[in-house]
Full PDB file with SEQRES, HELIX, SHEET, SSBOND, CRYST1, ORIGX, SCALE, CONECT and MASTER records, all heavy atoms in Angstrom:
SEQRES   1 A   46  MET ALA ASN ALA ALA GLU GLY GLY SER SER ASP ILE VAL          
SEQRES   2 A   46  THR GLN LEU VAL GLY ALA VAL ASP THR SER MET LEU VAL          
SEQRES   3 A   46  GLY THR VAL THR SER LEU GLY LEU VAL ALA VAL SER VAL          
SEQRES   4 A   46  LYS TRP GLY GLU LYS GLY ILE                                  
HELIX    1 AA1 ALA A    2  GLU A    6  1                                   5    
HELIX    2 AA2 ILE A   12  ALA A   19  1                                   8    
HELIX    3 AA3 LEU A   25  GLY A   45  1                                  21    
CRYST1    1.000    1.000    1.000  90.00  90.00  90.00 P 1           1          
ORIGX1      1.000000  0.000000  0.000000        0.00000                         
ORIGX2      0.000000  1.000000  0.000000        0.00000                         
ORIGX3      0.000000  0.000000  1.000000        0.00000                         
SCALE1      1.000000  0.000000  0.000000        0.00000                         
SCALE2      0.000000  1.000000  0.000000        0.00000                         
SCALE3      0.000000  0.000000  1.000000        0.00000                         
ATOM      1  N   MET A   1     212.041-106.513 -60.581  1.00  0.00           N  
ATOM      2  CA  MET A   1     213.018-107.399 -61.068  1.00  0.00           C  
ATOM      3  C   MET A   1     212.451-108.801 -61.239  1.00  0.00           C  
ATOM      4  O   MET A   1     212.748-109.459 -62.196  1.00  0.00           O  
ATOM      5  CB  MET A   1     214.182-107.516 -60.018  1.00  0.00           C  
ATOM      6  CG  MET A   1     215.105-106.376 -60.062  1.00  0.00           C  
ATOM      7  SD  MET A   1     216.379-106.672 -58.755  1.00  0.00           S  
ATOM      8  CE  MET A   1     217.515-105.306 -59.012  1.00  0.00           C  
ATOM      9  N   ALA A   2     211.470-109.136 -60.367  1.00  0.00           N  
ATOM     10  CA  ALA A   2     210.784-110.442 -60.517  1.00  0.00           C  
ATOM     11  C   ALA A   2     209.976-110.460 -61.804  1.00  0.00           C  
ATOM     12  O   ALA A   2     209.842-111.497 -62.499  1.00  0.00           O  
ATOM     13  CB  ALA A   2     209.949-110.754 -59.300  1.00  0.00           C  
ATOM     14  N   ASN A   3     209.305-109.375 -62.052  1.00  0.00           N  
ATOM     15  CA  ASN A   3     208.514-109.316 -63.272  1.00  0.00           C  
ATOM     16  C   ASN A   3     209.368-109.264 -64.532  1.00  0.00           C  
ATOM     17  O   ASN A   3     208.975-109.804 -65.507  1.00  0.00           O  
ATOM     18  CB  ASN A   3     207.638-108.043 -63.226  1.00  0.00           C  
ATOM     19  CG  ASN A   3     206.564-108.093 -62.235  1.00  0.00           C  
ATOM     20  OD1 ASN A   3     206.110-109.248 -61.824  1.00  0.00           O  
ATOM     21  ND2 ASN A   3     205.988-106.998 -61.774  1.00  0.00           N  
ATOM     22  N   ALA A   4     210.555-108.588 -64.442  1.00  0.00           N  
ATOM     23  CA  ALA A   4     211.429-108.559 -65.584  1.00  0.00           C  
ATOM     24  C   ALA A   4     211.928-110.056 -65.851  1.00  0.00           C  
ATOM     25  O   ALA A   4     212.155-110.387 -66.993  1.00  0.00           O  
ATOM     26  CB  ALA A   4     212.622-107.570 -65.280  1.00  0.00           C  
ATOM     27  N   ALA A   5     212.158-110.818 -64.830  1.00  0.00           N  
ATOM     28  CA  ALA A   5     212.675-112.184 -65.100  1.00  0.00           C  
ATOM     29  C   ALA A   5     211.671-112.997 -65.728  1.00  0.00           C  
ATOM     30  O   ALA A   5     212.010-114.002 -66.467  1.00  0.00           O  
ATOM     31  CB  ALA A   5     213.054-112.765 -63.705  1.00  0.00           C  
ATOM     32  N   GLU A   6     210.326-112.781 -65.605  1.00  0.00           N  
ATOM     33  CA  GLU A   6     209.327-113.453 -66.251  1.00  0.00           C  
ATOM     34  C   GLU A   6     209.219-113.220 -67.698  1.00  0.00           C  
ATOM     35  O   GLU A   6     208.730-114.060 -68.467  1.00  0.00           O  
ATOM     36  CB  GLU A   6     207.933-113.175 -65.604  1.00  0.00           C  
ATOM     37  CG  GLU A   6     207.862-113.677 -64.059  1.00  0.00           C  
ATOM     38  CD  GLU A   6     206.508-113.285 -63.476  1.00  0.00           C  
ATOM     39  OE1 GLU A   6     205.691-112.670 -64.114  1.00  0.00           O  
ATOM     40  OE2 GLU A   6     206.329-113.542 -62.317  1.00  0.00           O  
ATOM     41  N   GLY A   7     209.560-112.107 -68.112  1.00  0.00           N  
ATOM     42  CA  GLY A   7     209.530-111.722 -69.538  1.00  0.00           C  
ATOM     43  C   GLY A   7     209.111-110.230 -69.702  1.00  0.00           C  
ATOM     44  O   GLY A   7     208.769-109.605 -68.720  1.00  0.00           O  
ATOM     45  N   GLY A   8     209.050-109.794 -70.955  1.00  0.00           N  
ATOM     46  CA  GLY A   8     208.651-108.408 -71.207  1.00  0.00           C  
ATOM     47  C   GLY A   8     209.901-107.561 -71.171  1.00  0.00           C  
ATOM     48  O   GLY A   8     211.072-107.995 -71.317  1.00  0.00           O  
ATOM     49  N   SER A   9     209.650-106.282 -70.878  1.00  0.00           N  
ATOM     50  CA  SER A   9     210.712-105.354 -70.854  1.00  0.00           C  
ATOM     51  C   SER A   9     211.637-105.486 -69.589  1.00  0.00           C  
ATOM     52  O   SER A   9     211.089-105.826 -68.536  1.00  0.00           O  
ATOM     53  CB  SER A   9     210.216-103.908 -70.857  1.00  0.00           C  
ATOM     54  OG  SER A   9     211.220-102.971 -70.721  1.00  0.00           O  
ATOM     55  N   SER A  10     212.874-105.433 -69.755  1.00  0.00           N  
ATOM     56  CA  SER A  10     213.787-105.649 -68.620  1.00  0.00           C  
ATOM     57  C   SER A  10     214.117-104.366 -67.949  1.00  0.00           C  
ATOM     58  O   SER A  10     214.763-104.300 -66.847  1.00  0.00           O  
ATOM     59  CB  SER A  10     215.113-106.214 -69.135  1.00  0.00           C  
ATOM     60  OG  SER A  10     215.760-105.324 -70.016  1.00  0.00           O  
ATOM     61  N   ASP A  11     213.618-103.173 -68.351  1.00  0.00           N  
ATOM     62  CA  ASP A  11     213.779-101.902 -67.798  1.00  0.00           C  
ATOM     63  C   ASP A  11     212.697-101.679 -66.713  1.00  0.00           C  
ATOM     64  O   ASP A  11     211.526-101.644 -67.027  1.00  0.00           O  
ATOM     65  CB  ASP A  11     213.760-100.817 -68.805  1.00  0.00           C  
ATOM     66  CG  ASP A  11     214.082 -99.477 -68.260  1.00  0.00           C  
ATOM     67  OD1 ASP A  11     214.682 -99.386 -67.151  1.00  0.00           O  
ATOM     68  OD2 ASP A  11     213.756 -98.458 -68.934  1.00  0.00           O  
ATOM     69  N   ILE A  12     213.161-101.545 -65.424  1.00  0.00           N  
ATOM     70  CA  ILE A  12     212.184-101.406 -64.325  1.00  0.00           C  
ATOM     71  C   ILE A  12     211.425-100.083 -64.438  1.00  0.00           C  
ATOM     72  O   ILE A  12     210.196-100.005 -64.046  1.00  0.00           O  
ATOM     73  CB  ILE A  12     212.862-101.505 -62.990  1.00  0.00           C  
ATOM     74  CG1 ILE A  12     211.835-101.575 -61.939  1.00  0.00           C  
ATOM     75  CG2 ILE A  12     213.881-100.376 -62.734  1.00  0.00           C  
ATOM     76  CD1 ILE A  12     212.428-102.003 -60.520  1.00  0.00           C  
ATOM     77  N   VAL A  13     212.050 -99.001 -64.897  1.00  0.00           N  
ATOM     78  CA  VAL A  13     211.348 -97.709 -65.071  1.00  0.00           C  
ATOM     79  C   VAL A  13     210.232 -97.836 -66.084  1.00  0.00           C  
ATOM     80  O   VAL A  13     209.121 -97.381 -65.863  1.00  0.00           O  
ATOM     81  CB  VAL A  13     212.355 -96.648 -65.488  1.00  0.00           C  
ATOM     82  CG1 VAL A  13     211.664 -95.295 -65.711  1.00  0.00           C  
ATOM     83  CG2 VAL A  13     213.451 -96.447 -64.403  1.00  0.00           C  
ATOM     84  N   THR A  14     210.504 -98.548 -67.196  1.00  0.00           N  
ATOM     85  CA  THR A  14     209.391 -98.701 -68.178  1.00  0.00           C  
ATOM     86  C   THR A  14     208.274 -99.485 -67.627  1.00  0.00           C  
ATOM     87  O   THR A  14     207.106 -99.201 -67.880  1.00  0.00           O  
ATOM     88  CB  THR A  14     210.033 -99.469 -69.457  1.00  0.00           C  
ATOM     89  OG1 THR A  14     211.144 -98.743 -69.878  1.00  0.00           O  
ATOM     90  CG2 THR A  14     208.985 -99.631 -70.519  1.00  0.00           C  
ATOM     91  N   GLN A  15     208.568-100.521 -66.813  1.00  0.00           N  
ATOM     92  CA  GLN A  15     207.527-101.306 -66.155  1.00  0.00           C  
ATOM     93  C   GLN A  15     206.719-100.545 -65.214  1.00  0.00           C  
ATOM     94  O   GLN A  15     205.476-100.546 -65.135  1.00  0.00           O  
ATOM     95  CB  GLN A  15     208.055-102.565 -65.466  1.00  0.00           C  
ATOM     96  CG  GLN A  15     208.677-103.526 -66.450  1.00  0.00           C  
ATOM     97  CD  GLN A  15     209.278-104.764 -65.644  1.00  0.00           C  
ATOM     98  OE1 GLN A  15     209.442-104.680 -64.460  1.00  0.00           O  
ATOM     99  NE2 GLN A  15     209.665-105.707 -66.405  1.00  0.00           N  
ATOM    100  N   LEU A  16     207.383 -99.675 -64.385  1.00  0.00           N  
ATOM    101  CA  LEU A  16     206.638 -98.933 -63.374  1.00  0.00           C  
ATOM    102  C   LEU A  16     205.777 -97.858 -63.980  1.00  0.00           C  
ATOM    103  O   LEU A  16     204.642 -97.562 -63.642  1.00  0.00           O  
ATOM    104  CB  LEU A  16     207.613 -98.276 -62.356  1.00  0.00           C  
ATOM    105  CG  LEU A  16     208.300 -99.289 -61.464  1.00  0.00           C  
ATOM    106  CD1 LEU A  16     209.351 -98.591 -60.514  1.00  0.00           C  
ATOM    107  CD2 LEU A  16     207.329 -99.903 -60.531  1.00  0.00           C  
ATOM    108  N   VAL A  17     206.367 -97.168 -65.011  1.00  0.00           N  
ATOM    109  CA  VAL A  17     205.604 -96.117 -65.744  1.00  0.00           C  
ATOM    110  C   VAL A  17     204.398 -96.773 -66.542  1.00  0.00           C  
ATOM    111  O   VAL A  17     203.318 -96.201 -66.543  1.00  0.00           O  
ATOM    112  CB  VAL A  17     206.497 -95.381 -66.622  1.00  0.00           C  
ATOM    113  CG1 VAL A  17     205.663 -94.414 -67.532  1.00  0.00           C  
ATOM    114  CG2 VAL A  17     207.484 -94.482 -65.837  1.00  0.00           C  
ATOM    115  N   GLY A  18     204.636 -97.940 -67.025  1.00  0.00           N  
ATOM    116  CA  GLY A  18     203.495 -98.654 -67.859  1.00  0.00           C  
ATOM    117  C   GLY A  18     202.482 -99.093 -66.899  1.00  0.00           C  
ATOM    118  O   GLY A  18     201.285 -99.201 -67.342  1.00  0.00           O  
ATOM    119  N   ALA A  19     202.801 -99.317 -65.535  1.00  0.00           N  
ATOM    120  CA  ALA A  19     201.746 -99.773 -64.647  1.00  0.00           C  
ATOM    121  C   ALA A  19     200.802 -98.691 -64.153  1.00  0.00           C  
ATOM    122  O   ALA A  19     199.755 -98.875 -63.577  1.00  0.00           O  
ATOM    123  CB  ALA A  19     202.413-100.434 -63.462  1.00  0.00           C  
ATOM    124  N   VAL A  20     201.266 -97.423 -64.308  1.00  0.00           N  
ATOM    125  CA  VAL A  20     200.459 -96.237 -63.882  1.00  0.00           C  
ATOM    126  C   VAL A  20     199.435 -95.829 -64.879  1.00  0.00           C  
ATOM    127  O   VAL A  20     199.797 -95.695 -66.098  1.00  0.00           O  
ATOM    128  CB  VAL A  20     201.397 -95.029 -63.533  1.00  0.00           C  
ATOM    129  CG1 VAL A  20     200.656 -93.784 -63.102  1.00  0.00           C  
ATOM    130  CG2 VAL A  20     202.416 -95.401 -62.453  1.00  0.00           C  
ATOM    131  N   ASP A  21     198.230 -95.734 -64.492  1.00  0.00           N  
ATOM    132  CA  ASP A  21     197.115 -95.341 -65.403  1.00  0.00           C  
ATOM    133  C   ASP A  21     197.082 -93.805 -65.380  1.00  0.00           C  
ATOM    134  O   ASP A  21     196.731 -93.147 -64.377  1.00  0.00           O  
ATOM    135  CB  ASP A  21     195.779 -95.961 -64.989  1.00  0.00           C  
ATOM    136  CG  ASP A  21     194.628 -95.509 -65.899  1.00  0.00           C  
ATOM    137  OD1 ASP A  21     194.971 -95.229 -67.056  1.00  0.00           O  
ATOM    138  OD2 ASP A  21     193.467 -95.584 -65.384  1.00  0.00           O  
ATOM    139  N   THR A  22     197.340 -93.142 -66.445  1.00  0.00           N  
ATOM    140  CA  THR A  22     197.378 -91.709 -66.550  1.00  0.00           C  
ATOM    141  C   THR A  22     196.221 -91.122 -67.377  1.00  0.00           C  
ATOM    142  O   THR A  22     196.238 -89.991 -67.737  1.00  0.00           O  
ATOM    143  CB  THR A  22     198.682 -91.248 -67.242  1.00  0.00           C  
ATOM    144  OG1 THR A  22     198.789 -91.864 -68.534  1.00  0.00           O  
ATOM    145  CG2 THR A  22     199.907 -91.606 -66.403  1.00  0.00           C  
ATOM    146  N   SER A  23     195.212 -91.916 -67.537  1.00  0.00           N  
ATOM    147  CA  SER A  23     194.079 -91.488 -68.390  1.00  0.00           C  
ATOM    148  C   SER A  23     193.348 -90.327 -67.726  1.00  0.00           C  
ATOM    149  O   SER A  23     192.851 -89.370 -68.392  1.00  0.00           O  
ATOM    150  CB  SER A  23     193.108 -92.627 -68.688  1.00  0.00           C  
ATOM    151  OG  SER A  23     192.580 -93.092 -67.468  1.00  0.00           O  
ATOM    152  N   MET A  24     193.200 -90.322 -66.377  1.00  0.00           N  
ATOM    153  CA  MET A  24     192.471 -89.271 -65.727  1.00  0.00           C  
ATOM    154  C   MET A  24     193.406 -88.209 -65.131  1.00  0.00           C  
ATOM    155  O   MET A  24     192.893 -87.255 -64.514  1.00  0.00           O  
ATOM    156  CB  MET A  24     191.566 -89.820 -64.619  1.00  0.00           C  
ATOM    157  CG  MET A  24     190.520 -90.765 -65.092  1.00  0.00           C  
ATOM    158  SD  MET A  24     189.336 -89.985 -66.084  1.00  0.00           S  
ATOM    159  CE  MET A  24     188.459 -88.891 -64.874  1.00  0.00           C  
ATOM    160  N   LEU A  25     194.639 -88.398 -65.242  1.00  0.00           N  
ATOM    161  CA  LEU A  25     195.636 -87.457 -64.577  1.00  0.00           C  
ATOM    162  C   LEU A  25     195.514 -86.036 -65.100  1.00  0.00           C  
ATOM    163  O   LEU A  25     195.454 -85.083 -64.281  1.00  0.00           O  
ATOM    164  CB  LEU A  25     197.039 -88.038 -64.830  1.00  0.00           C  
ATOM    165  CG  LEU A  25     198.149 -87.214 -64.168  1.00  0.00           C  
ATOM    166  CD1 LEU A  25     198.027 -87.307 -62.654  1.00  0.00           C  
ATOM    167  CD2 LEU A  25     199.482 -87.719 -64.590  1.00  0.00           C  
ATOM    168  N   VAL A  26     195.447 -85.841 -66.431  1.00  0.00           N  
ATOM    169  CA  VAL A  26     195.426 -84.461 -66.960  1.00  0.00           C  
ATOM    170  C   VAL A  26     194.150 -83.714 -66.557  1.00  0.00           C  
ATOM    171  O   VAL A  26     194.236 -82.608 -66.120  1.00  0.00           O  
ATOM    172  CB  VAL A  26     195.502 -84.584 -68.549  1.00  0.00           C  
ATOM    173  CG1 VAL A  26     195.311 -83.193 -69.109  1.00  0.00           C  
ATOM    174  CG2 VAL A  26     196.761 -85.109 -68.960  1.00  0.00           C  
ATOM    175  N   GLY A  27     193.004 -84.395 -66.550  1.00  0.00           N  
ATOM    176  CA  GLY A  27     191.704 -83.793 -66.180  1.00  0.00           C  
ATOM    177  C   GLY A  27     191.741 -83.410 -64.646  1.00  0.00           C  
ATOM    178  O   GLY A  27     191.253 -82.391 -64.254  1.00  0.00           O  
ATOM    179  N   THR A  28     192.267 -84.307 -63.909  1.00  0.00           N  
ATOM    180  CA  THR A  28     192.333 -84.091 -62.438  1.00  0.00           C  
ATOM    181  C   THR A  28     193.249 -82.936 -62.095  1.00  0.00           C  
ATOM    182  O   THR A  28     192.898 -82.021 -61.311  1.00  0.00           O  
ATOM    183  CB  THR A  28     192.777 -85.345 -61.696  1.00  0.00           C  
ATOM    184  OG1 THR A  28     191.993 -86.426 -61.999  1.00  0.00           O  
ATOM    185  CG2 THR A  28     192.908 -85.138 -60.167  1.00  0.00           C  
ATOM    186  N   VAL A  29     194.365 -82.813 -62.691  1.00  0.00           N  
ATOM    187  CA  VAL A  29     195.329 -81.778 -62.410  1.00  0.00           C  
ATOM    188  C   VAL A  29     194.799 -80.426 -62.888  1.00  0.00           C  
ATOM    189  O   VAL A  29     194.889 -79.432 -62.241  1.00  0.00           O  
ATOM    190  CB  VAL A  29     196.686 -82.062 -63.055  1.00  0.00           C  
ATOM    191  CG1 VAL A  29     197.655 -80.839 -63.011  1.00  0.00           C  
ATOM    192  CG2 VAL A  29     197.368 -83.220 -62.390  1.00  0.00           C  
ATOM    193  N   THR A  30     194.100 -80.454 -64.104  1.00  0.00           N  
ATOM    194  CA  THR A  30     193.543 -79.195 -64.608  1.00  0.00           C  
ATOM    195  C   THR A  30     192.428 -78.791 -63.705  1.00  0.00           C  
ATOM    196  O   THR A  30     192.318 -77.500 -63.437  1.00  0.00           O  
ATOM    197  CB  THR A  30     193.047 -79.478 -66.000  1.00  0.00           C  
ATOM    198  OG1 THR A  30     194.082 -79.974 -66.816  1.00  0.00           O  
ATOM    199  CG2 THR A  30     192.478 -78.195 -66.665  1.00  0.00           C  
ATOM    200  N   SER A  31     191.552 -79.637 -63.285  1.00  0.00           N  
ATOM    201  CA  SER A  31     190.438 -79.223 -62.424  1.00  0.00           C  
ATOM    202  C   SER A  31     190.897 -78.627 -61.116  1.00  0.00           C  
ATOM    203  O   SER A  31     190.409 -77.710 -60.628  1.00  0.00           O  
ATOM    204  CB  SER A  31     189.516 -80.315 -62.229  1.00  0.00           C  
ATOM    205  OG  SER A  31     190.008 -81.360 -61.570  1.00  0.00           O  
ATOM    206  N   LEU A  32     191.921 -79.300 -60.491  1.00  0.00           N  
ATOM    207  CA  LEU A  32     192.482 -78.846 -59.196  1.00  0.00           C  
ATOM    208  C   LEU A  32     193.213 -77.479 -59.386  1.00  0.00           C  
ATOM    209  O   LEU A  32     193.078 -76.529 -58.573  1.00  0.00           O  
ATOM    210  CB  LEU A  32     193.497 -79.778 -58.644  1.00  0.00           C  
ATOM    211  CG  LEU A  32     192.966 -81.097 -58.081  1.00  0.00           C  
ATOM    212  CD1 LEU A  32     194.080 -82.049 -57.706  1.00  0.00           C  
ATOM    213  CD2 LEU A  32     192.023 -80.854 -56.974  1.00  0.00           C  
ATOM    214  N   GLY A  33     193.814 -77.202 -60.546  1.00  0.00           N  
ATOM    215  CA  GLY A  33     194.404 -75.910 -60.876  1.00  0.00           C  
ATOM    216  C   GLY A  33     193.339 -74.868 -61.034  1.00  0.00           C  
ATOM    217  O   GLY A  33     193.483 -73.743 -60.524  1.00  0.00           O  
ATOM    218  N   LEU A  34     192.201 -75.150 -61.664  1.00  0.00           N  
ATOM    219  CA  LEU A  34     191.160 -74.241 -61.835  1.00  0.00           C  
ATOM    220  C   LEU A  34     190.519 -73.877 -60.561  1.00  0.00           C  
ATOM    221  O   LEU A  34     190.118 -72.698 -60.286  1.00  0.00           O  
ATOM    222  CB  LEU A  34     190.076 -74.720 -62.813  1.00  0.00           C  
ATOM    223  CG  LEU A  34     190.513 -74.796 -64.296  1.00  0.00           C  
ATOM    224  CD1 LEU A  34     189.384 -75.499 -65.141  1.00  0.00           C  
ATOM    225  CD2 LEU A  34     190.693 -73.367 -64.767  1.00  0.00           C  
ATOM    226  N   VAL A  35     190.329 -74.796 -59.625  1.00  0.00           N  
ATOM    227  CA  VAL A  35     189.775 -74.573 -58.305  1.00  0.00           C  
ATOM    228  C   VAL A  35     190.719 -73.638 -57.514  1.00  0.00           C  
ATOM    229  O   VAL A  35     190.293 -72.638 -56.930  1.00  0.00           O  
ATOM    230  CB  VAL A  35     189.531 -75.856 -57.515  1.00  0.00           C  
ATOM    231  CG1 VAL A  35     189.282 -75.594 -56.094  1.00  0.00           C  
ATOM    232  CG2 VAL A  35     188.451 -76.669 -58.161  1.00  0.00           C  
ATOM    233  N   ALA A  36     191.986 -73.878 -57.552  1.00  0.00           N  
ATOM    234  CA  ALA A  36     192.950 -73.088 -56.867  1.00  0.00           C  
ATOM    235  C   ALA A  36     193.010 -71.640 -57.398  1.00  0.00           C  
ATOM    236  O   ALA A  36     192.986 -70.680 -56.572  1.00  0.00           O  
ATOM    237  CB  ALA A  36     194.371 -73.640 -56.952  1.00  0.00           C  
ATOM    238  N   VAL A  37     193.011 -71.438 -58.695  1.00  0.00           N  
ATOM    239  CA  VAL A  37     192.917 -70.040 -59.229  1.00  0.00           C  
ATOM    240  C   VAL A  37     191.648 -69.411 -58.927  1.00  0.00           C  
ATOM    241  O   VAL A  37     191.617 -68.161 -58.558  1.00  0.00           O  
ATOM    242  CB  VAL A  37     193.194 -70.209 -60.815  1.00  0.00           C  
ATOM    243  CG1 VAL A  37     192.847 -68.858 -61.468  1.00  0.00           C  
ATOM    244  CG2 VAL A  37     194.582 -70.664 -61.131  1.00  0.00           C  
ATOM    245  N   SER A  38     190.561 -70.109 -58.966  1.00  0.00           N  
ATOM    246  CA  SER A  38     189.198 -69.507 -58.688  1.00  0.00           C  
ATOM    247  C   SER A  38     189.172 -68.992 -57.202  1.00  0.00           C  
ATOM    248  O   SER A  38     188.645 -67.972 -56.965  1.00  0.00           O  
ATOM    249  CB  SER A  38     188.081 -70.505 -58.860  1.00  0.00           C  
ATOM    250  OG  SER A  38     188.021 -70.957 -60.248  1.00  0.00           O  
ATOM    251  N   VAL A  39     189.737 -69.842 -56.290  1.00  0.00           N  
ATOM    252  CA  VAL A  39     189.714 -69.414 -54.886  1.00  0.00           C  
ATOM    253  C   VAL A  39     190.621 -68.189 -54.710  1.00  0.00           C  
ATOM    254  O   VAL A  39     190.210 -67.198 -54.033  1.00  0.00           O  
ATOM    255  CB  VAL A  39     190.269 -70.579 -54.020  1.00  0.00           C  
ATOM    256  CG1 VAL A  39     190.581 -70.064 -52.660  1.00  0.00           C  
ATOM    257  CG2 VAL A  39     189.236 -71.684 -53.964  1.00  0.00           C  
ATOM    258  N   LYS A  40     191.701 -68.104 -55.380  1.00  0.00           N  
ATOM    259  CA  LYS A  40     192.547 -66.908 -55.264  1.00  0.00           C  
ATOM    260  C   LYS A  40     191.921 -65.613 -55.890  1.00  0.00           C  
ATOM    261  O   LYS A  40     192.039 -64.618 -55.286  1.00  0.00           O  
ATOM    262  CB  LYS A  40     193.915 -67.261 -55.978  1.00  0.00           C  
ATOM    263  CG  LYS A  40     194.940 -66.241 -55.741  1.00  0.00           C  
ATOM    264  CD  LYS A  40     195.255 -66.165 -54.265  1.00  0.00           C  
ATOM    265  CE  LYS A  40     196.355 -65.159 -53.947  1.00  0.00           C  
ATOM    266  NZ  LYS A  40     196.649 -65.021 -52.581  1.00  0.00           N  
ATOM    267  N   TRP A  41     191.242 -65.865 -57.011  1.00  0.00           N  
ATOM    268  CA  TRP A  41     190.529 -64.738 -57.612  1.00  0.00           C  
ATOM    269  C   TRP A  41     189.358 -64.205 -56.669  1.00  0.00           C  
ATOM    270  O   TRP A  41     189.136 -63.120 -56.561  1.00  0.00           O  
ATOM    271  CB  TRP A  41     189.987 -65.071 -58.932  1.00  0.00           C  
ATOM    272  CG  TRP A  41     191.056 -65.000 -60.035  1.00  0.00           C  
ATOM    273  CD1 TRP A  41     192.359 -64.599 -59.849  1.00  0.00           C  
ATOM    274  CD2 TRP A  41     190.869 -65.372 -61.404  1.00  0.00           C  
ATOM    275  NE1 TRP A  41     192.977 -64.709 -61.083  1.00  0.00           N  
ATOM    276  CE2 TRP A  41     192.078 -65.099 -61.985  1.00  0.00           C  
ATOM    277  CE3 TRP A  41     189.815 -65.865 -62.108  1.00  0.00           C  
ATOM    278  CZ2 TRP A  41     192.281 -65.412 -63.369  1.00  0.00           C  
ATOM    279  CZ3 TRP A  41     189.972 -66.072 -63.499  1.00  0.00           C  
ATOM    280  CH2 TRP A  41     191.236 -65.883 -64.118  1.00  0.00           C  
ATOM    281  N   GLY A  42     188.719 -65.198 -56.044  1.00  0.00           N  
ATOM    282  CA  GLY A  42     187.704 -64.864 -55.121  1.00  0.00           C  
ATOM    283  C   GLY A  42     188.183 -64.009 -53.942  1.00  0.00           C  
ATOM    284  O   GLY A  42     187.508 -63.120 -53.544  1.00  0.00           O  
ATOM    285  N   GLU A  43     189.352 -64.391 -53.435  1.00  0.00           N  
ATOM    286  CA  GLU A  43     189.972 -63.624 -52.340  1.00  0.00           C  
ATOM    287  C   GLU A  43     190.325 -62.225 -52.826  1.00  0.00           C  
ATOM    288  O   GLU A  43     190.139 -61.285 -52.078  1.00  0.00           O  
ATOM    289  CB  GLU A  43     191.328 -64.375 -51.825  1.00  0.00           C  
ATOM    290  CG  GLU A  43     190.960 -65.613 -51.088  1.00  0.00           C  
ATOM    291  CD  GLU A  43     192.218 -66.355 -50.757  1.00  0.00           C  
ATOM    292  OE1 GLU A  43     193.309 -65.879 -51.101  1.00  0.00           O  
ATOM    293  OE2 GLU A  43     192.115 -67.489 -50.065  1.00  0.00           O  
ATOM    294  N   LYS A  44     190.876 -62.119 -53.984  1.00  0.00           N  
ATOM    295  CA  LYS A  44     191.259 -60.912 -54.547  1.00  0.00           C  
ATOM    296  C   LYS A  44     190.005 -59.989 -54.838  1.00  0.00           C  
ATOM    297  O   LYS A  44     190.024 -58.729 -54.598  1.00  0.00           O  
ATOM    298  CB  LYS A  44     192.027 -60.939 -55.845  1.00  0.00           C  
ATOM    299  CG  LYS A  44     193.408 -61.565 -55.712  1.00  0.00           C  
ATOM    300  CD  LYS A  44     194.336 -60.531 -55.028  1.00  0.00           C  
ATOM    301  CE  LYS A  44     195.683 -61.095 -54.928  1.00  0.00           C  
ATOM    302  NZ  LYS A  44     196.595 -60.192 -54.265  1.00  0.00           N  
ATOM    303  N   GLY A  45     188.945 -60.616 -55.229  1.00  0.00           N  
ATOM    304  CA  GLY A  45     187.673 -59.864 -55.416  1.00  0.00           C  
ATOM    305  C   GLY A  45     187.158 -59.231 -54.162  1.00  0.00           C  
ATOM    306  O   GLY A  45     186.629 -58.118 -54.150  1.00  0.00           O  
ATOM    307  N   ILE A  46     187.183 -60.041 -53.043  1.00  0.00           N  
ATOM    308  CA  ILE A  46     186.727 -59.488 -51.782  1.00  0.00           C  
ATOM    309  C   ILE A  46     187.576 -58.331 -51.320  1.00  0.00           C  
ATOM    310  O   ILE A  46     187.045 -57.318 -50.911  1.00  0.00           O  
ATOM    311  CB  ILE A  46     186.803 -60.684 -50.715  1.00  0.00           C  
ATOM    312  CG1 ILE A  46     185.744 -61.730 -51.079  1.00  0.00           C  
ATOM    313  CG2 ILE A  46     186.542 -60.194 -49.335  1.00  0.00           C  
ATOM    314  CD1 ILE A  46     185.838 -63.003 -50.212  1.00  0.00           C  
TER     315      ILE A  46                                                      
MASTER        0    0    0    3    0    0    0    6  314    1    0    4          
END                                                                             
């Protein structure tokens, strides 16, 4: 609310989402998913 009073978008959700850096999010989630699947396949292989 304080940031909205200063100027810019008045929607707090837009401000909060805009403040989050999602550039590495897709790569991180994908790599964690691949690790989880690999571990599960390793268990099944044993």
